[in-house]
């Protein structure tokens, strides 16, 4: 469901000035197709189960995707959950992210699993995990842009059954030793 802020009683001659306010630069009245359906759990700021900063990562990825894919297109539901609990409903979105920690070349990093094809309503379907782990680094936007280019939200969920074999790129930074953590974050990484 959508959540909107309504600013009533703005005189017509003041609309341009209102649109220049910092708040409306951050949350524009006409968001891009990437941001319009964005749902993000609270992440590490306020949840001790979250493994990543979902809000920060979602904002960075959204900006990168707008640079890469543009700002117009069919709205996508993009949901972020910071842990397996799934408060951001990552499996109920066109593209979903589940936060996790990964150890790459001996260093613990923020990472996500990527899901596609989630739906709610009369034809509900859980999203399928198509990428088990990709770090939240400069490669994430390229991986997700490729997923979005291939994804058709109106198609049968079975369309993604061979995506891993069909060439969803593995980020270059995952070539080292990898270990993932599914347990809740209880302290800072070593």
Foldseek 3Di string as FASTA:
>chain_A
DDDDDDDPDDDPVCVVVVCPDPVCVLVPPDFFLLPRQEFEPCAPVPDQQFDGRGVVLSVVLSVLLCVVPNRYDHRWNEFEARAPVCPRVQFQTQKYWYWWWKQFPNDIAIWTFIWHQAHDDPPGDTTDGDGGIAGSDPCVNVLVNVVVVPGDNVDDSCVCVCVNVVDSDHDPRRPGDMDIDRGGHDDDDD
